[in-house]
Structures are given as structure tokens and as C-alpha cells.
């Protein structure tokens, strides 16, 4: 009896490529699955670039429309979500440019409703030994991070958001932001330094206290 080796489950990238090919072939339901998969992530990304929350959904919708129209040009040389993120960033920039607004971090962008949203980790990772003081300290730190993010120049904010919150690699960020990897590393380093400068005093104040 010949044993048939188990078939490995397709990777997320392979699944995306398959859905892209099906969409280009005329299967609109395949694109619906891609939208469903990435809609919330794209909205979160845009929400960190745009203060006006009413614009987030419109820009996200425009992003998916533009992606759909350009899908036949997607060659799979990059990950689909990296390609999609770049469209989202460019769409947000264009919209803000048209409205003559400066991209700013939304006040609520670090308080997303996703249970798996890393940005709420500071407030959610409370231990059984939590006290009102530790809860307040965590909220102060989260507010300091948000304030520091708001104060960053646009390019630094985008780079550190894509790296620390969306989890993209330096290579993927380079593709999204259309700049060399060295520039990406420099922007992320500068962003981290600026954020650390605001958060460090709060952490030092908590030294010696029980968390």
C-alpha cells in the first residue's frame, strides 16, 4: 500500500495569489474575500494617517476600488498585502492633498475594536495584581505613545506604524514607501528615539513600584 503524503496547506501568500488570479479571471466573489480579509487592516492603517474618522471608510473603499482596477497589473513580485498597503498610503496622501489637510494620527487610532489589535496591548495586558495606580500608569504611557506618534513627521510615523503595528518587514516597508531600506531603518530609528524620549520619564517614575 502506497502512502500518499499529506498536502501542505497553502500559505497566505499563495492563497492571496490564487484569489487574485480568480478575480482577474472574472470571479468577483474572489475579490470579495480579499476585501474581507484586509478591510480592517487597511482601515486601521488609514486611521493612523487621517484625523477625520469620517474619511477613513471613504479612503478604504477608494483603495479597494483602485486595487481592483489595477489587479491585472499585479505580477506577484511582492506580497499582495504589501502592494495593497502601498495603494492605501498613496490614496490617503492623495485625498489629504486634495483636501489640503495634513495627515495626523487619529486620537482613537490606538483604541481599535479588534481583539487582536496590538495597539491596545498596553491597556489590555493587565495582570491579576493590577491596581488603580497601575491601570492609570498604563493609560498614561499609552497616551504618551500616542502623543509622540502625533508629533512625528509623516514619513517617520508611517515607517514606525508599518513596522511596529502592522508588522511589516523592512523590505516590505521599503516597497510600500518606495524608498531604500537604509532610509526605512533611519526613519524607524528616529521615530523610536522620539517616542522613547516621551515614554522614558513615565517608566522611570514607575521604577520601584510593583506592577
N, C-alpha and C. Protein backbone atom coordinates (compact mmCIF):
# COMPACT_ATOMS: atom_id res chain seq x y z
N UNK A 1 0.84 -1.19 0.00
CA UNK A 1 0.00 0.00 0.00
C UNK A 1 0.88 1.25 0.00
N UNK A 2 0.64 2.12 -0.95
CA UNK A 2 1.43 3.33 -1.07
C UNK A 2 0.77 4.46 -0.29
N UNK A 3 1.55 5.04 0.61
CA UNK A 3 1.02 6.15 1.40
C UNK A 3 1.13 7.44 0.60
N UNK A 4 0.06 8.20 0.62
CA UNK A 4 0.06 9.50 -0.07
C UNK A 4 0.45 10.57 0.94
N UNK A 5 1.52 11.31 0.67
CA UNK A 5 1.95 12.33 1.62
C UNK A 5 0.87 13.40 1.77
N UNK A 6 0.72 13.94 2.98
CA UNK A 6 -0.29 14.97 3.19
C UNK A 6 0.01 16.21 2.36
N UNK A 7 -1.03 16.82 1.89
CA UNK A 7 -0.86 18.05 1.10
C UNK A 7 -0.76 19.23 2.06
N UNK A 8 0.32 19.99 1.91
CA UNK A 8 0.52 21.14 2.80
C UNK A 8 -0.53 22.20 2.51
N UNK A 9 -0.99 22.82 3.58
CA UNK A 9 -1.97 23.91 3.42
C UNK A 9 -1.30 25.07 2.70
N UNK A 10 -2.02 25.73 1.80
CA UNK A 10 -1.43 26.86 1.09
C UNK A 10 -1.08 27.98 2.05
N UNK A 11 0.03 28.67 1.78
CA UNK A 11 0.43 29.80 2.61
C UNK A 11 -0.50 30.98 2.34
N UNK A 12 -0.55 31.96 3.25
CA UNK A 12 -1.39 33.13 2.99
C UNK A 12 -1.06 33.81 1.67
N UNK A 13 0.24 33.86 1.34
CA UNK A 13 0.63 34.49 0.08
C UNK A 13 0.08 33.71 -1.11
N UNK A 14 0.16 32.37 -1.04
CA UNK A 14 -0.37 31.55 -2.13
C UNK A 14 -1.88 31.72 -2.24
N UNK A 15 -2.55 31.80 -1.10
CA UNK A 15 -4.00 31.98 -1.10
C UNK A 15 -4.36 33.31 -1.74
N UNK A 16 -3.63 34.37 -1.38
CA UNK A 16 -3.88 35.69 -1.97
C UNK A 16 -3.68 35.65 -3.49
N UNK A 17 -2.58 35.02 -3.91
CA UNK A 17 -2.31 34.95 -5.35
C UNK A 17 -3.41 34.19 -6.07
N UNK A 18 -3.90 33.14 -5.46
CA UNK A 18 -4.97 32.36 -6.06
C UNK A 18 -6.23 33.21 -6.21
N UNK A 19 -6.55 33.98 -5.17
CA UNK A 19 -7.73 34.84 -5.22
C UNK A 19 -7.57 35.95 -6.25
N UNK A 20 -6.36 36.46 -6.37
CA UNK A 20 -6.09 37.48 -7.39
C UNK A 20 -6.33 36.90 -8.78
N UNK A 21 -5.80 35.71 -9.01
CA UNK A 21 -5.96 35.08 -10.33
C UNK A 21 -7.43 34.80 -10.64
N UNK A 22 -8.16 34.37 -9.63
CA UNK A 22 -9.59 34.10 -9.83
C UNK A 22 -10.35 35.39 -10.13
N UNK A 23 -9.95 36.48 -9.45
CA UNK A 23 -10.61 37.76 -9.68
C UNK A 23 -10.36 38.24 -11.10
N UNK A 24 -9.11 38.17 -11.53
CA UNK A 24 -8.75 38.60 -12.88
C UNK A 24 -9.48 37.76 -13.92
N UNK A 25 -9.75 36.50 -13.57
CA UNK A 25 -10.47 35.59 -14.48
C UNK A 25 -11.97 35.87 -14.50
N UNK A 26 -12.42 36.77 -13.62
CA UNK A 26 -13.83 37.15 -13.67
C UNK A 26 -14.66 36.74 -12.47
N UNK A 27 -14.03 36.14 -11.47
CA UNK A 27 -14.75 35.71 -10.28
C UNK A 27 -14.78 36.84 -9.25
N UNK A 28 -15.84 37.62 -9.23
CA UNK A 28 -15.92 38.78 -8.34
C UNK A 28 -15.98 38.36 -6.87
N UNK A 29 -16.47 37.15 -6.60
CA UNK A 29 -16.55 36.68 -5.22
C UNK A 29 -15.15 36.49 -4.62
N UNK A 30 -14.19 36.19 -5.48
CA UNK A 30 -12.82 36.02 -5.00
C UNK A 30 -12.29 37.34 -4.47
N UNK A 31 -12.61 38.42 -5.15
CA UNK A 31 -12.15 39.73 -4.68
C UNK A 31 -12.86 40.12 -3.39
N UNK A 32 -14.12 39.73 -3.26
CA UNK A 32 -14.85 39.99 -2.02
C UNK A 32 -14.10 39.37 -0.83
N UNK A 33 -13.52 38.20 -1.05
CA UNK A 33 -12.77 37.53 0.02
C UNK A 33 -11.50 38.30 0.38
N UNK A 34 -10.85 38.87 -0.64
CA UNK A 34 -9.67 39.68 -0.37
C UNK A 34 -10.03 40.94 0.40
N UNK A 35 -11.15 41.56 0.02
CA UNK A 35 -11.61 42.75 0.74
C UNK A 35 -11.93 42.40 2.19
N UNK A 36 -12.63 41.30 2.37
CA UNK A 36 -13.00 40.87 3.71
C UNK A 36 -11.76 40.60 4.56
N UNK A 37 -10.74 40.03 3.93
CA UNK A 37 -9.52 39.66 4.65
C UNK A 37 -8.74 40.87 5.12
N UNK A 38 -8.68 41.91 4.28
CA UNK A 38 -7.79 43.04 4.57
C UNK A 38 -8.49 44.35 4.92
N UNK A 39 -9.80 44.36 4.90
CA UNK A 39 -10.53 45.61 5.11
C UNK A 39 -10.18 46.29 6.43
N UNK A 40 -10.21 45.52 7.51
CA UNK A 40 -9.98 46.12 8.83
C UNK A 40 -8.53 46.59 8.98
N UNK A 41 -7.60 45.84 8.41
CA UNK A 41 -6.19 46.24 8.49
C UNK A 41 -5.96 47.52 7.70
N UNK A 42 -6.58 47.62 6.53
CA UNK A 42 -6.44 48.82 5.72
C UNK A 42 -7.07 50.01 6.43
N UNK A 43 -8.23 49.81 7.04
CA UNK A 43 -8.88 50.89 7.77
C UNK A 43 -8.03 51.35 8.94
N UNK A 44 -7.38 50.40 9.64
CA UNK A 44 -6.51 50.77 10.75
C UNK A 44 -5.32 51.59 10.26
N UNK A 45 -4.74 51.15 9.15
CA UNK A 45 -3.61 51.87 8.59
C UNK A 45 -4.00 53.30 8.22
N UNK A 46 -5.12 53.46 7.53
CA UNK A 46 -5.58 54.79 7.13
C UNK A 46 -5.94 55.62 8.36
N UNK A 47 -6.51 54.96 9.37
CA UNK A 47 -6.89 55.68 10.58
C UNK A 47 -5.71 56.29 11.30
N UNK A 48 -4.50 55.79 11.03
CA UNK A 48 -3.31 56.35 11.66
C UNK A 48 -2.71 57.47 10.81
N UNK A 49 -3.25 57.68 9.64
CA UNK A 49 -2.79 58.76 8.79
C UNK A 49 -3.77 59.93 8.76
N UNK A 50 -5.01 59.67 9.07
CA UNK A 50 -6.07 60.65 8.89
C UNK A 50 -6.77 60.92 10.21
N UNK A 51 -6.86 62.17 10.60
CA UNK A 51 -7.55 62.51 11.85
C UNK A 51 -9.06 62.42 11.67
N UNK A 52 -9.57 62.82 10.52
CA UNK A 52 -11.01 62.83 10.29
C UNK A 52 -11.50 61.39 10.10
N UNK A 53 -12.17 60.84 11.13
CA UNK A 53 -12.60 59.45 11.07
C UNK A 53 -13.63 59.22 9.98
N UNK A 54 -14.33 60.26 9.58
CA UNK A 54 -15.33 60.12 8.53
C UNK A 54 -14.70 59.82 7.18
N UNK A 55 -13.42 60.15 7.06
CA UNK A 55 -12.72 59.92 5.79
C UNK A 55 -12.17 58.51 5.67
N UNK A 56 -11.99 57.85 6.80
CA UNK A 56 -11.31 56.54 6.80
C UNK A 56 -12.03 55.54 5.90
N UNK A 57 -13.34 55.40 6.08
CA UNK A 57 -14.08 54.41 5.29
C UNK A 57 -14.08 54.77 3.81
N UNK A 58 -14.19 56.07 3.51
CA UNK A 58 -14.18 56.50 2.10
C UNK A 58 -12.84 56.18 1.45
N UNK A 59 -11.75 56.47 2.16
CA UNK A 59 -10.42 56.21 1.61
C UNK A 59 -10.18 54.71 1.46
N UNK A 60 -10.65 53.94 2.44
CA UNK A 60 -10.50 52.48 2.34
C UNK A 60 -11.26 51.95 1.13
N UNK A 61 -12.48 52.45 0.93
CA UNK A 61 -13.27 52.00 -0.22
C UNK A 61 -12.57 52.37 -1.53
N UNK A 62 -12.04 53.58 -1.58
CA UNK A 62 -11.32 54.02 -2.79
C UNK A 62 -10.07 53.17 -3.01
N UNK A 63 -9.43 52.78 -1.93
CA UNK A 63 -8.24 51.93 -2.02
C UNK A 63 -8.58 50.61 -2.70
N UNK A 64 -9.65 49.97 -2.27
CA UNK A 64 -10.02 48.67 -2.85
C UNK A 64 -10.52 48.82 -4.29
N UNK A 65 -11.15 49.95 -4.60
CA UNK A 65 -11.57 50.19 -5.98
C UNK A 65 -10.35 50.33 -6.88
N UNK A 66 -9.37 51.11 -6.43
CA UNK A 66 -8.15 51.30 -7.21
C UNK A 66 -7.39 49.98 -7.36
N UNK A 67 -7.34 49.23 -6.28
CA UNK A 67 -6.64 47.94 -6.34
C UNK A 67 -7.33 47.01 -7.33
N UNK A 68 -8.65 47.00 -7.32
CA UNK A 68 -9.41 46.14 -8.24
C UNK A 68 -9.11 46.50 -9.69
N UNK A 69 -9.10 47.79 -9.96
CA UNK A 69 -8.85 48.25 -11.33
C UNK A 69 -7.44 47.93 -11.81
N UNK A 70 -6.50 47.87 -10.85
CA UNK A 70 -5.10 47.64 -11.21
C UNK A 70 -4.69 46.19 -11.02
N UNK A 71 -5.63 45.33 -10.66
CA UNK A 71 -5.30 43.96 -10.27
C UNK A 71 -4.62 43.18 -11.40
N UNK A 72 -5.01 43.46 -12.62
CA UNK A 72 -4.40 42.75 -13.75
C UNK A 72 -2.90 43.06 -13.88
N UNK A 73 -2.47 44.19 -13.27
CA UNK A 73 -1.07 44.58 -13.33
C UNK A 73 -0.25 43.96 -12.20
N UNK A 74 -0.93 43.33 -11.23
CA UNK A 74 -0.23 42.72 -10.11
C UNK A 74 0.45 41.44 -10.59
N UNK A 75 1.78 41.40 -10.47
CA UNK A 75 2.55 40.27 -11.01
C UNK A 75 3.01 39.30 -9.93
N UNK A 76 2.68 39.59 -8.69
CA UNK A 76 3.10 38.70 -7.62
C UNK A 76 4.56 38.84 -7.25
N UNK A 77 5.22 39.91 -7.71
CA UNK A 77 6.62 40.11 -7.36
C UNK A 77 6.76 40.53 -5.90
N UNK A 78 5.70 41.10 -5.34
CA UNK A 78 5.66 41.45 -3.93
C UNK A 78 4.45 40.76 -3.32
N UNK A 79 4.38 40.72 -1.98
CA UNK A 79 3.20 40.18 -1.33
C UNK A 79 2.00 41.05 -1.69
N UNK A 80 0.84 40.43 -1.82
CA UNK A 80 -0.36 41.19 -2.18
C UNK A 80 -0.65 42.28 -1.17
N UNK A 81 -0.55 41.96 0.15
CA UNK A 81 -0.90 42.97 1.14
C UNK A 81 0.09 44.13 1.11
N UNK A 82 1.36 43.87 0.76
CA UNK A 82 2.32 44.97 0.63
C UNK A 82 1.91 45.89 -0.51
N UNK A 83 1.53 45.29 -1.61
CA UNK A 83 1.05 46.05 -2.78
C UNK A 83 -0.20 46.84 -2.41
N UNK A 84 -1.10 46.22 -1.66
CA UNK A 84 -2.35 46.87 -1.25
C UNK A 84 -2.07 48.01 -0.28
N UNK A 85 -1.13 47.80 0.65
CA UNK A 85 -0.79 48.86 1.62
C UNK A 85 -0.26 50.10 0.89
N UNK A 86 0.54 49.85 -0.12
CA UNK A 86 1.10 50.99 -0.86
C UNK A 86 -0.01 51.78 -1.54
N UNK A 87 -0.98 51.09 -2.10
CA UNK A 87 -2.12 51.77 -2.71
C UNK A 87 -2.88 52.56 -1.66
N UNK A 88 -3.06 51.98 -0.47
CA UNK A 88 -3.77 52.66 0.61
C UNK A 88 -3.04 53.93 1.03
N UNK A 89 -1.73 53.83 1.20
CA UNK A 89 -0.94 55.00 1.60
C UNK A 89 -1.03 56.10 0.55
N UNK A 90 -0.88 55.72 -0.71
CA UNK A 90 -0.94 56.71 -1.79
C UNK A 90 -2.33 57.32 -1.92
N UNK A 91 -3.37 56.51 -1.72
CA UNK A 91 -4.75 57.01 -1.80
C UNK A 91 -5.01 58.00 -0.68
N UNK A 92 -4.55 57.67 0.53
CA UNK A 92 -4.73 58.57 1.67
C UNK A 92 -3.99 59.88 1.43
N UNK A 93 -2.76 59.80 0.93
CA UNK A 93 -1.99 61.01 0.66
C UNK A 93 -2.68 61.88 -0.38
N UNK A 94 -3.19 61.25 -1.44
CA UNK A 94 -3.86 62.00 -2.49
C UNK A 94 -5.12 62.68 -1.96
N UNK A 95 -5.91 61.96 -1.18
CA UNK A 95 -7.13 62.52 -0.62
C UNK A 95 -6.83 63.71 0.28
N UNK A 96 -5.83 63.54 1.15
CA UNK A 96 -5.45 64.63 2.05
C UNK A 96 -4.88 65.80 1.29
N UNK A 97 -4.14 65.50 0.22
CA UNK A 97 -3.60 66.57 -0.60
C UNK A 97 -4.71 67.35 -1.28
N UNK A 98 -5.69 66.62 -1.80
CA UNK A 98 -6.83 67.27 -2.45
C UNK A 98 -7.60 68.16 -1.48
N UNK A 99 -7.67 67.71 -0.23
CA UNK A 99 -8.40 68.47 0.79
C UNK A 99 -7.52 69.49 1.50
N UNK A 100 -6.22 69.49 1.10
CA UNK A 100 -5.25 70.40 1.70
C UNK A 100 -5.20 70.23 3.22
N UNK A 101 -5.19 68.97 3.62
CA UNK A 101 -5.07 68.65 5.04
C UNK A 101 -3.77 67.93 5.29
N UNK A 102 -3.26 68.08 6.49
CA UNK A 102 -2.04 67.37 6.86
C UNK A 102 -2.40 66.06 7.54
N UNK A 103 -1.76 64.94 7.16
CA UNK A 103 -2.07 63.66 7.80
C UNK A 103 -1.67 63.67 9.26
N UNK A 104 -2.59 63.32 10.13
CA UNK A 104 -2.34 63.25 11.56
C UNK A 104 -2.87 61.95 12.12
N UNK A 105 -2.28 61.49 13.18
CA UNK A 105 -2.76 60.28 13.81
C UNK A 105 -4.12 60.54 14.44
N UNK A 106 -5.07 59.67 14.18
CA UNK A 106 -6.39 59.79 14.79
C UNK A 106 -6.28 59.57 16.29
N UNK A 107 -7.03 60.34 17.05
CA UNK A 107 -6.99 60.24 18.51
C UNK A 107 -7.37 58.85 18.98
N UNK A 108 -8.24 58.18 18.20
CA UNK A 108 -8.71 56.86 18.60
C UNK A 108 -8.00 55.74 17.86
N UNK A 109 -6.94 56.08 17.11
CA UNK A 109 -6.33 55.07 16.25
C UNK A 109 -5.64 53.97 17.06
N UNK A 110 -5.31 54.23 18.31
CA UNK A 110 -4.68 53.20 19.12
C UNK A 110 -5.68 52.53 20.04
N UNK A 111 -6.98 52.73 19.76
CA UNK A 111 -8.01 52.11 20.58
C UNK A 111 -8.98 51.35 19.70
N UNK A 112 -8.42 50.61 18.71
CA UNK A 112 -9.27 49.90 17.76
C UNK A 112 -10.10 48.84 18.44
N UNK A 113 -11.19 48.44 17.77
CA UNK A 113 -12.08 47.47 18.36
C UNK A 113 -11.64 46.04 18.17
N UNK A 114 -10.54 45.82 17.43
CA UNK A 114 -10.08 44.46 17.18
C UNK A 114 -9.52 43.85 18.44
N UNK A 115 -9.97 42.63 18.76
CA UNK A 115 -9.45 41.97 19.95
C UNK A 115 -7.99 41.64 19.81
N UNK A 116 -7.54 41.48 18.56
CA UNK A 116 -6.14 41.11 18.36
C UNK A 116 -5.30 42.31 17.98
N UNK A 117 -5.81 43.51 18.16
CA UNK A 117 -5.09 44.71 17.78
C UNK A 117 -3.95 44.96 18.76
N UNK A 118 -2.72 44.94 18.25
CA UNK A 118 -1.57 45.10 19.11
C UNK A 118 -1.56 46.46 19.79
N UNK A 119 -2.15 47.45 19.17
CA UNK A 119 -2.06 48.81 19.66
C UNK A 119 -2.75 48.99 20.99
N UNK A 120 -3.62 48.09 21.37
CA UNK A 120 -4.29 48.21 22.65
C UNK A 120 -3.62 47.36 23.72
N UNK A 121 -2.43 46.82 23.40
CA UNK A 121 -1.78 45.89 24.32
C UNK A 121 -1.44 46.54 25.65
N UNK A 122 -1.02 47.81 25.62
CA UNK A 122 -0.63 48.46 26.86
C UNK A 122 -1.79 48.51 27.83
N UNK A 123 -3.00 48.73 27.31
CA UNK A 123 -4.15 48.82 28.18
C UNK A 123 -4.74 47.46 28.50
N UNK A 124 -4.53 46.48 27.63
CA UNK A 124 -5.17 45.19 27.81
C UNK A 124 -4.35 44.20 28.61
N UNK A 125 -3.03 44.35 28.59
CA UNK A 125 -2.18 43.38 29.27
C UNK A 125 -2.07 43.73 30.75
N UNK A 126 -3.17 43.55 31.48
CA UNK A 126 -3.20 43.84 32.90
C UNK A 126 -3.11 42.54 33.67
N UNK A 127 -2.32 42.52 34.71
CA UNK A 127 -2.12 41.30 35.47
C UNK A 127 -3.16 41.19 36.56
N UNK A 128 -3.16 40.02 37.21
CA UNK A 128 -4.11 39.80 38.31
C UNK A 128 -3.79 40.70 39.49
N UNK A 129 -2.56 41.25 39.51
CA UNK A 129 -2.16 42.11 40.62
C UNK A 129 -2.38 43.58 40.29
N UNK A 130 -3.18 43.87 39.29
CA UNK A 130 -3.38 45.24 38.87
C UNK A 130 -4.04 46.06 39.99
N UNK A 131 -3.67 47.32 39.99
CA UNK A 131 -4.24 48.26 40.94
C UNK A 131 -4.69 49.48 40.17
N UNK A 132 -5.47 50.36 40.79
CA UNK A 132 -5.84 51.61 40.09
C UNK A 132 -4.62 52.39 39.63
N UNK A 133 -3.53 52.31 40.42
CA UNK A 133 -2.32 53.04 40.05
C UNK A 133 -1.69 52.47 38.78
N UNK A 134 -1.63 51.12 38.69
CA UNK A 134 -1.01 50.52 37.51
C UNK A 134 -1.87 50.75 36.27
N UNK A 135 -3.20 50.71 36.44
CA UNK A 135 -4.09 50.98 35.32
C UNK A 135 -3.89 52.40 34.82
N UNK A 136 -3.81 53.35 35.75
CA UNK A 136 -3.60 54.74 35.37
C UNK A 136 -2.26 54.93 34.69
N UNK A 137 -1.22 54.26 35.23
CA UNK A 137 0.11 54.37 34.63
C UNK A 137 0.11 53.83 33.20
N UNK A 138 -0.57 52.71 32.99
CA UNK A 138 -0.63 52.13 31.65
C UNK A 138 -1.32 53.08 30.68
N UNK A 139 -2.39 53.72 31.14
CA UNK A 139 -3.10 54.66 30.28
C UNK A 139 -2.24 55.89 29.99
N UNK A 140 -1.46 56.32 30.98
CA UNK A 140 -0.58 57.47 30.77
C UNK A 140 0.50 57.14 29.74
N UNK A 141 1.02 55.92 29.82
CA UNK A 141 2.04 55.51 28.87
C UNK A 141 1.45 55.42 27.46
N UNK A 142 0.25 54.84 27.36
CA UNK A 142 -0.40 54.74 26.05
C UNK A 142 -0.66 56.13 25.48
N UNK A 143 -1.08 57.06 26.34
CA UNK A 143 -1.34 58.43 25.88
C UNK A 143 -0.04 59.09 25.43
N UNK A 144 1.05 58.82 26.15
CA UNK A 144 2.34 59.40 25.78
C UNK A 144 2.82 58.87 24.43
N UNK A 145 2.61 57.56 24.20
CA UNK A 145 2.98 56.97 22.91
C UNK A 145 2.17 57.61 21.79
N UNK A 146 0.87 57.77 22.03
CA UNK A 146 0.00 58.36 21.02
C UNK A 146 0.41 59.80 20.73
N UNK A 147 0.71 60.54 21.79
CA UNK A 147 1.14 61.93 21.62
C UNK A 147 2.45 62.02 20.85
N UNK A 148 3.37 61.12 21.18
CA UNK A 148 4.65 61.11 20.47
C UNK A 148 4.46 60.76 19.01
N UNK A 149 3.56 59.82 18.71
CA UNK A 149 3.27 59.46 17.33
C UNK A 149 2.69 60.64 16.57
N UNK A 150 1.79 61.37 17.20
CA UNK A 150 1.18 62.53 16.55
C UNK A 150 2.22 63.57 16.18
N UNK A 151 3.23 63.72 17.03
CA UNK A 151 4.23 64.76 16.82
C UNK A 151 5.26 64.39 15.76
N UNK A 152 5.30 63.13 15.35
CA UNK A 152 6.28 62.70 14.37
C UNK A 152 5.98 63.27 12.99
N UNK A 153 7.01 63.55 12.20
CA UNK A 153 6.78 63.88 10.79
C UNK A 153 6.09 62.72 10.09
N UNK A 154 5.37 63.00 9.03
CA UNK A 154 4.55 61.98 8.35
C UNK A 154 5.35 60.74 7.98
N UNK A 155 6.53 60.92 7.38
CA UNK A 155 7.28 59.77 6.89
C UNK A 155 7.78 58.89 8.02
N UNK A 156 8.16 59.50 9.15
CA UNK A 156 8.60 58.71 10.31
C UNK A 156 7.42 57.96 10.91
N UNK A 157 6.28 58.62 10.97
CA UNK A 157 5.08 57.99 11.56
C UNK A 157 4.63 56.80 10.71
N UNK A 158 4.66 56.95 9.41
CA UNK A 158 4.27 55.85 8.52
C UNK A 158 5.21 54.66 8.70
N UNK A 159 6.51 54.94 8.73
CA UNK A 159 7.50 53.86 8.81
C UNK A 159 7.36 53.08 10.10
N UNK A 160 7.26 53.77 11.23
CA UNK A 160 7.19 53.06 12.52
C UNK A 160 5.83 52.37 12.68
N UNK A 161 4.78 52.93 12.11
CA UNK A 161 3.47 52.28 12.16
C UNK A 161 3.48 50.97 11.38
N UNK A 162 4.04 50.99 10.18
CA UNK A 162 4.09 49.79 9.36
C UNK A 162 4.96 48.71 10.01
N UNK A 163 6.01 49.14 10.71
CA UNK A 163 6.92 48.18 11.34
C UNK A 163 6.38 47.65 12.66
N UNK A 164 6.05 48.54 13.58
CA UNK A 164 5.72 48.14 14.94
C UNK A 164 4.26 47.71 15.12
N UNK A 165 3.37 48.25 14.32
CA UNK A 165 1.95 47.96 14.49
C UNK A 165 1.45 46.97 13.45
N UNK A 166 1.81 47.19 12.19
CA UNK A 166 1.36 46.28 11.14
C UNK A 166 2.29 45.09 10.96
N UNK A 167 3.50 45.17 11.50
CA UNK A 167 4.39 44.02 11.48
C UNK A 167 5.08 43.75 10.15
N UNK A 168 5.17 44.74 9.29
CA UNK A 168 5.84 44.54 8.00
C UNK A 168 7.35 44.49 8.20
N UNK A 169 8.03 43.78 7.31
CA UNK A 169 9.48 43.72 7.34
C UNK A 169 10.05 45.02 6.74
N UNK A 170 11.36 45.23 6.95
CA UNK A 170 11.99 46.42 6.37
C UNK A 170 11.86 46.41 4.85
N UNK A 171 12.00 45.22 4.26
CA UNK A 171 11.90 45.12 2.80
C UNK A 171 10.49 45.49 2.33
N UNK A 172 9.49 45.04 3.05
CA UNK A 172 8.10 45.35 2.68
C UNK A 172 7.80 46.83 2.86
N UNK A 173 8.32 47.42 3.93
CA UNK A 173 8.12 48.85 4.15
C UNK A 173 8.80 49.64 3.04
N UNK A 174 9.96 49.17 2.63
CA UNK A 174 10.67 49.82 1.53
C UNK A 174 9.81 49.85 0.27
N UNK A 175 9.11 48.75 0.01
CA UNK A 175 8.24 48.69 -1.16
C UNK A 175 7.04 49.60 -1.00
N UNK A 176 6.43 49.58 0.20
CA UNK A 176 5.24 50.40 0.45
C UNK A 176 5.57 51.89 0.33
N UNK A 177 6.70 52.30 0.93
CA UNK A 177 7.05 53.72 0.97
C UNK A 177 7.91 54.15 -0.20
N UNK A 178 8.29 53.17 -1.04
CA UNK A 178 9.06 53.47 -2.25
C UNK A 178 10.36 54.22 -1.93
N UNK A 179 11.12 53.64 -0.99
CA UNK A 179 12.39 54.24 -0.62
C UNK A 179 13.37 53.13 -0.24
N UNK A 180 14.67 53.42 -0.21
CA UNK A 180 15.67 52.39 0.12
C UNK A 180 15.48 51.86 1.54
N UNK A 181 15.95 50.62 1.76
CA UNK A 181 15.85 50.02 3.08
C UNK A 181 16.62 50.83 4.12
N UNK A 182 17.75 51.39 3.72
CA UNK A 182 18.53 52.21 4.64
C UNK A 182 17.73 53.41 5.14
N UNK A 183 16.95 53.99 4.26
CA UNK A 183 16.10 55.12 4.65
C UNK A 183 15.02 54.66 5.62
N UNK A 184 14.46 53.48 5.35
CA UNK A 184 13.44 52.92 6.25
C UNK A 184 14.03 52.72 7.64
N UNK A 185 15.21 52.13 7.73
CA UNK A 185 15.84 51.89 9.03
C UNK A 185 16.09 53.21 9.76
N UNK A 186 16.55 54.21 9.02
CA UNK A 186 16.82 55.51 9.63
C UNK A 186 15.54 56.14 10.18
N UNK A 187 14.46 56.06 9.41
CA UNK A 187 13.20 56.66 9.85
C UNK A 187 12.65 55.96 11.08
N UNK A 188 12.73 54.63 11.08
CA UNK A 188 12.23 53.88 12.24
C UNK A 188 13.07 54.17 13.47
N UNK A 189 14.38 54.26 13.30
CA UNK A 189 15.26 54.57 14.43
C UNK A 189 14.92 55.94 15.01
N UNK A 190 14.77 56.93 14.14
CA UNK A 190 14.46 58.28 14.61
C UNK A 190 13.09 58.32 15.29
N UNK A 191 12.13 57.58 14.75
CA UNK A 191 10.79 57.54 15.34
C UNK A 191 10.85 56.91 16.73
N UNK A 192 11.57 55.80 16.85
CA UNK A 192 11.69 55.13 18.14
C UNK A 192 12.36 56.03 19.17
N UNK A 193 13.39 56.76 18.74
CA UNK A 193 14.08 57.66 19.65
C UNK A 193 13.14 58.75 20.16
N UNK A 194 12.32 59.30 19.27
CA UNK A 194 11.39 60.36 19.66
C UNK A 194 10.33 59.83 20.61
N UNK A 195 9.83 58.64 20.32
CA UNK A 195 8.80 58.05 21.20
C UNK A 195 9.40 57.71 22.55
N UNK A 196 10.61 57.16 22.55
CA UNK A 196 11.27 56.77 23.79
C UNK A 196 11.51 57.98 24.68
N UNK A 197 11.83 59.12 24.07
CA UNK A 197 12.11 60.33 24.85
C UNK A 197 10.89 60.77 25.64
N UNK A 198 9.70 60.51 25.10
CA UNK A 198 8.47 60.89 25.81
C UNK A 198 8.03 59.84 26.81
N UNK A 199 8.30 58.58 26.51
CA UNK A 199 7.82 57.50 27.37
C UNK A 199 8.78 57.22 28.52
N UNK A 200 10.07 57.39 28.29
CA UNK A 200 11.08 57.05 29.29
C UNK A 200 10.85 57.71 30.65
N UNK A 201 10.53 59.02 30.72
CA UNK A 201 10.29 59.63 32.04
C UNK A 201 9.15 58.95 32.80
N UNK A 202 8.11 58.53 32.09
CA UNK A 202 7.00 57.85 32.76
C UNK A 202 7.44 56.50 33.32
N UNK A 203 8.25 55.78 32.54
CA UNK A 203 8.74 54.49 33.01
C UNK A 203 9.66 54.65 34.21
N UNK A 204 10.49 55.71 34.19
CA UNK A 204 11.39 55.95 35.31
C UNK A 204 10.62 56.29 36.57
N UNK A 205 9.50 56.98 36.41
CA UNK A 205 8.67 57.32 37.56
C UNK A 205 8.06 56.08 38.20
N UNK A 206 7.90 55.03 37.35
CA UNK A 206 7.29 53.79 37.84
C UNK A 206 8.32 52.83 38.42
N UNK A 207 9.60 53.15 38.28
CA UNK A 207 10.63 52.24 38.79
C UNK A 207 10.50 52.10 40.31
N UNK A 208 10.61 50.87 40.73
CA UNK A 208 10.47 50.60 42.15
C UNK A 208 9.06 50.34 42.59
N UNK A 209 8.10 50.58 41.67
CA UNK A 209 6.70 50.31 42.01
C UNK A 209 6.34 48.91 41.53
N UNK A 210 5.44 48.29 42.20
CA UNK A 210 5.01 46.95 41.81
C UNK A 210 3.94 47.03 40.74
N UNK A 211 4.19 46.33 39.61
CA UNK A 211 3.21 46.28 38.51
C UNK A 211 2.39 45.04 38.61
